[in-house]
Amino acid sequence: MNKRQTYSRTWTYIDIGLLSVILLPVVIISAFNHPLGDDYWFTAMVREIGFPKAFGIIYDTVSPRYTVLSLMAVNPLVFGNFWLYKLIPVLYIPVFTLCNIYFLNTVSRFFDDNNGIKPDIYFISIVFTITYLAVMPGIGEGLFWVSSLAGYQTALMGLIVFAALMIQWHCQKQRSVIKAVATVLCFAFVMGCNEI
């Protein structure tokens, strides 16, 4: 690695660090995150009658979103942990960023690496994550309301991963069964977040 690449990489790390500081208020606000009504009633049902029965009742009467119901059934409140609940929005940010990295890593394979045109996917992913959080219509409803986070933001992450898997599947010379199964499972995951 020459001096120019080292200098460029150093500035990339500095930029990532500065951009990460922008997320600090989200981390601080998460300490004040509290469960809302739907978090409690679904948790109470799962604790009282168990996941299979609660899942069946809610699936038949409220919402047939099996992915969301499954995620809500394993939220920390079900296990009596209130403080871990506060970490859910904080954990969402790196997972969302990793989904973006996975997608951009897949797409960046189309760039010519020999000419140094390949983008810095980590930096772009963090910029995209911060931009997405900044323009989210209601960060309270989108990030700190865990039911919404489980339903909408999880679907978005699943869609990003699904798109990357589809691109990989399409571009493979020898298509693997594992990649096909992963793509189908990811599709089923995303469809389980659908409200229709």
Protein backbone atom coordinates (compact mmCIF):
# COMPACT_ATOMS: atom_id res chain seq x y z
CA MET A 1 0.00 0.00 0.00
CA ASN A 2 1.48 3.35 -0.98
CA LYS A 3 1.37 6.62 0.99
CA ARG A 4 -1.56 7.98 -0.99
CA GLN A 5 -3.71 4.92 -0.24
CA THR A 6 -2.73 5.05 3.44
CA TYR A 7 -3.57 8.77 3.59
CA SER A 8 -6.90 8.18 1.86
CA ARG A 9 -7.79 5.28 4.15
CA THR A 10 -6.89 7.35 7.23
CA TRP A 11 -9.24 10.12 6.13
CA THR A 12 -11.95 7.57 5.45
CA TYR A 13 -11.66 6.31 9.04
CA ILE A 14 -11.73 9.89 10.33
CA ASP A 15 -14.83 10.60 8.23
CA ILE A 16 -16.53 7.44 9.48
CA GLY A 17 -15.71 8.45 13.06
CA LEU A 18 -17.14 11.93 12.57
CA LEU A 19 -20.26 10.57 10.92
CA SER A 20 -20.70 8.09 13.75
CA VAL A 21 -20.72 10.97 16.23
CA ILE A 22 -23.89 12.17 14.49
CA LEU A 23 -25.55 8.97 15.71
CA LEU A 24 -24.68 9.72 19.34
CA PRO A 25 -28.03 11.47 20.08
CA VAL A 26 -29.87 8.35 18.88
CA VAL A 27 -27.86 6.24 21.31
CA ILE A 28 -28.53 8.67 24.17
CA ILE A 29 -32.25 8.90 23.42
CA SER A 30 -32.47 5.10 23.41
CA ALA A 31 -31.84 5.13 27.15
CA PHE A 32 -35.24 6.81 27.49
CA ASN A 33 -37.05 4.41 25.17
CA HIS A 34 -40.04 2.73 26.79
CA PRO A 35 -42.39 0.05 25.52
CA LEU A 36 -45.76 1.12 24.20
CA GLY A 37 -49.16 -0.53 24.50
CA ASP A 38 -48.84 -3.04 21.68
CA ASP A 39 -45.48 -4.15 23.03
CA TYR A 40 -47.12 -4.99 26.34
CA TRP A 41 -50.27 -6.74 25.15
CA PHE A 42 -48.48 -9.04 22.73
CA THR A 43 -45.83 -9.77 25.35
CA ALA A 44 -48.54 -10.54 27.90
CA MET A 45 -50.25 -12.95 25.49
CA VAL A 46 -47.01 -14.79 24.75
CA ARG A 47 -46.16 -15.04 28.44
CA GLU A 48 -49.65 -16.23 29.41
CA ILE A 49 -50.56 -18.72 26.70
CA GLY A 50 -47.27 -19.35 24.91
CA PHE A 51 -46.01 -18.39 21.50
CA PRO A 52 -47.91 -20.89 19.31
CA LYS A 53 -51.34 -19.96 20.70
CA ALA A 54 -50.60 -16.23 20.82
CA PHE A 55 -49.26 -16.35 17.28
CA GLY A 56 -52.40 -18.14 16.07
CA ILE A 57 -54.79 -15.75 17.78
CA ILE A 58 -53.05 -12.61 16.56
CA TYR A 59 -52.51 -14.04 13.08
CA ASP A 60 -56.24 -14.78 12.79
CA THR A 61 -57.57 -11.59 14.37
CA VAL A 62 -55.09 -8.74 14.05
CA SER A 63 -52.39 -9.20 11.45
CA PRO A 64 -51.15 -12.09 9.31
CA ARG A 65 -47.59 -10.72 9.31
CA TYR A 66 -45.78 -13.84 10.45
CA THR A 67 -42.29 -12.30 10.45
CA VAL A 68 -43.35 -9.39 12.63
CA LEU A 69 -45.30 -11.65 14.98
CA SER A 70 -42.29 -13.93 15.34
CA LEU A 71 -39.95 -11.01 16.03
CA MET A 72 -42.33 -9.49 18.56
CA ALA A 73 -42.61 -12.86 20.31
CA VAL A 74 -38.90 -12.82 21.09
CA ASN A 75 -38.63 -9.20 22.21
CA PRO A 76 -36.83 -8.71 25.54
CA LEU A 77 -40.07 -7.96 27.40
CA VAL A 78 -41.23 -11.54 26.83
CA PHE A 79 -38.25 -12.63 28.90
CA GLY A 80 -38.80 -9.91 31.50
CA ASN A 81 -35.83 -7.80 30.43
CA PHE A 82 -36.73 -4.12 30.32
CA TRP A 83 -33.23 -2.70 29.80
CA LEU A 84 -32.39 -4.84 26.79
CA TYR A 85 -35.53 -3.41 25.19
CA LYS A 86 -33.85 -0.01 25.25
CA LEU A 87 -30.95 -1.35 23.18
CA ILE A 88 -33.11 -2.44 20.25
CA PRO A 89 -32.90 0.92 18.38
CA VAL A 90 -29.15 1.06 19.06
CA LEU A 91 -28.68 -2.46 17.68
CA TYR A 92 -30.79 -1.65 14.62
CA ILE A 93 -28.32 0.94 13.32
CA PRO A 94 -25.30 -1.37 12.88
CA VAL A 95 -27.49 -4.17 11.51
CA PHE A 96 -29.02 -1.79 8.96
CA THR A 97 -25.53 -0.56 8.08
CA LEU A 98 -24.32 -4.16 7.63
CA CYS A 99 -27.24 -4.85 5.28
CA ASN A 100 -26.20 -1.82 3.25
CA ILE A 101 -22.59 -2.99 3.24
CA TYR A 102 -23.69 -6.41 2.00
CA PHE A 103 -25.74 -4.84 -0.79
CA LEU A 104 -23.05 -2.36 -1.80
CA ASN A 105 -20.40 -5.07 -1.71
CA THR A 106 -22.53 -7.06 -4.14
CA VAL A 107 -23.10 -4.09 -6.44
CA SER A 108 -19.49 -2.86 -6.24
CA ARG A 109 -18.32 -6.01 -8.00
CA PHE A 110 -19.45 -4.34 -11.21
CA PHE A 111 -16.92 -1.52 -10.78
CA ASP A 112 -13.47 -1.76 -12.28
CA ASP A 113 -11.11 -2.44 -9.38
CA ASN A 114 -7.96 -2.03 -11.49
CA ASN A 115 -8.47 1.68 -12.03
CA GLY A 116 -9.19 2.44 -8.39
CA ILE A 117 -12.83 3.24 -9.11
CA LYS A 118 -14.23 0.80 -6.56
CA PRO A 119 -16.12 2.83 -3.94
CA ASP A 120 -15.51 2.69 -0.21
CA ILE A 121 -18.60 0.69 0.70
CA TYR A 122 -18.21 1.18 4.46
CA PHE A 123 -18.20 4.95 4.17
CA ILE A 124 -21.09 4.97 1.70
CA SER A 125 -23.09 2.61 3.93
CA ILE A 126 -22.67 4.80 6.98
CA VAL A 127 -23.55 7.92 4.99
CA PHE A 128 -26.65 6.16 3.65
CA THR A 129 -27.68 5.00 7.14
CA ILE A 130 -27.28 8.47 8.62
CA THR A 131 -29.10 10.06 5.70
CA TYR A 132 -31.92 7.54 6.00
CA LEU A 133 -32.31 8.22 9.71
CA ALA A 134 -32.18 11.98 9.10
CA VAL A 135 -34.96 11.97 6.50
CA MET A 136 -37.15 9.38 8.22
CA PRO A 137 -40.56 11.09 8.57
CA GLY A 138 -40.88 10.24 12.24
CA ILE A 139 -37.84 8.81 13.96
CA GLY A 140 -39.92 8.18 17.07
CA GLU A 141 -42.37 5.98 15.20
CA GLY A 142 -39.78 4.53 12.86
CA LEU A 143 -36.95 3.72 15.23
CA PHE A 144 -38.06 3.89 18.84
CA TRP A 145 -41.46 2.24 18.45
CA VAL A 146 -40.32 -1.36 18.42
CA SER A 147 -43.47 -2.71 16.75
CA SER A 148 -42.85 -0.36 13.84
CA LEU A 149 -39.17 -1.21 13.84
CA ALA A 150 -40.01 -4.91 13.68
CA GLY A 151 -42.54 -4.40 10.91
CA TYR A 152 -41.21 -1.73 8.62
CA GLN A 153 -37.49 -1.34 9.23
CA THR A 154 -36.94 -5.09 9.37
CA ALA A 155 -38.77 -5.43 6.07
CA LEU A 156 -36.51 -2.78 4.59
CA MET A 157 -33.40 -4.61 5.78
CA GLY A 158 -34.77 -7.86 4.41
CA LEU A 159 -35.48 -6.20 1.07
CA ILE A 160 -31.92 -4.87 0.86
CA VAL A 161 -30.50 -8.33 1.55
CA PHE A 162 -32.99 -9.90 -0.87
CA ALA A 163 -31.90 -7.49 -3.62
CA ALA A 164 -28.25 -8.38 -3.00
CA LEU A 165 -29.04 -12.09 -3.11
CA MET A 166 -30.99 -11.70 -6.33
CA ILE A 167 -28.10 -9.81 -7.95
CA GLN A 168 -25.66 -12.49 -6.80
CA TRP A 169 -27.95 -15.25 -8.08
CA HIS A 170 -28.35 -13.55 -11.44
CA CYS A 171 -24.61 -12.92 -11.89
CA GLN A 172 -23.37 -16.36 -10.84
CA LYS A 173 -22.01 -18.58 -13.55
CA GLN A 174 -22.75 -21.68 -11.48
CA ARG A 175 -25.85 -21.21 -9.42
CA SER A 176 -25.70 -22.78 -6.00
CA VAL A 177 -28.59 -24.38 -4.18
CA ILE A 178 -27.57 -22.63 -0.96
CA LYS A 179 -27.86 -19.21 -2.58
CA ALA A 180 -31.24 -20.16 -4.05
CA VAL A 181 -32.55 -21.33 -0.67
CA ALA A 182 -31.22 -18.18 1.02
CA THR A 183 -32.95 -16.03 -1.59
CA VAL A 184 -36.28 -17.82 -1.19
CA LEU A 185 -36.07 -17.64 2.62
CA CYS A 186 -35.25 -13.95 2.46
CA PHE A 187 -38.22 -13.41 0.15
CA ALA A 188 -40.48 -15.27 2.60
CA PHE A 189 -39.06 -13.17 5.44
CA VAL A 190 -39.86 -9.92 3.63
CA MET A 191 -43.34 -11.10 2.66
CA GLY A 192 -44.01 -11.89 6.32
CA CYS A 193 -43.67 -8.18 7.06
CA ASN A 194 -46.35 -7.22 4.54
CA GLU A 195 -49.55 -5.75 5.98
CA ILE A 196 -51.80 -6.77 3.13
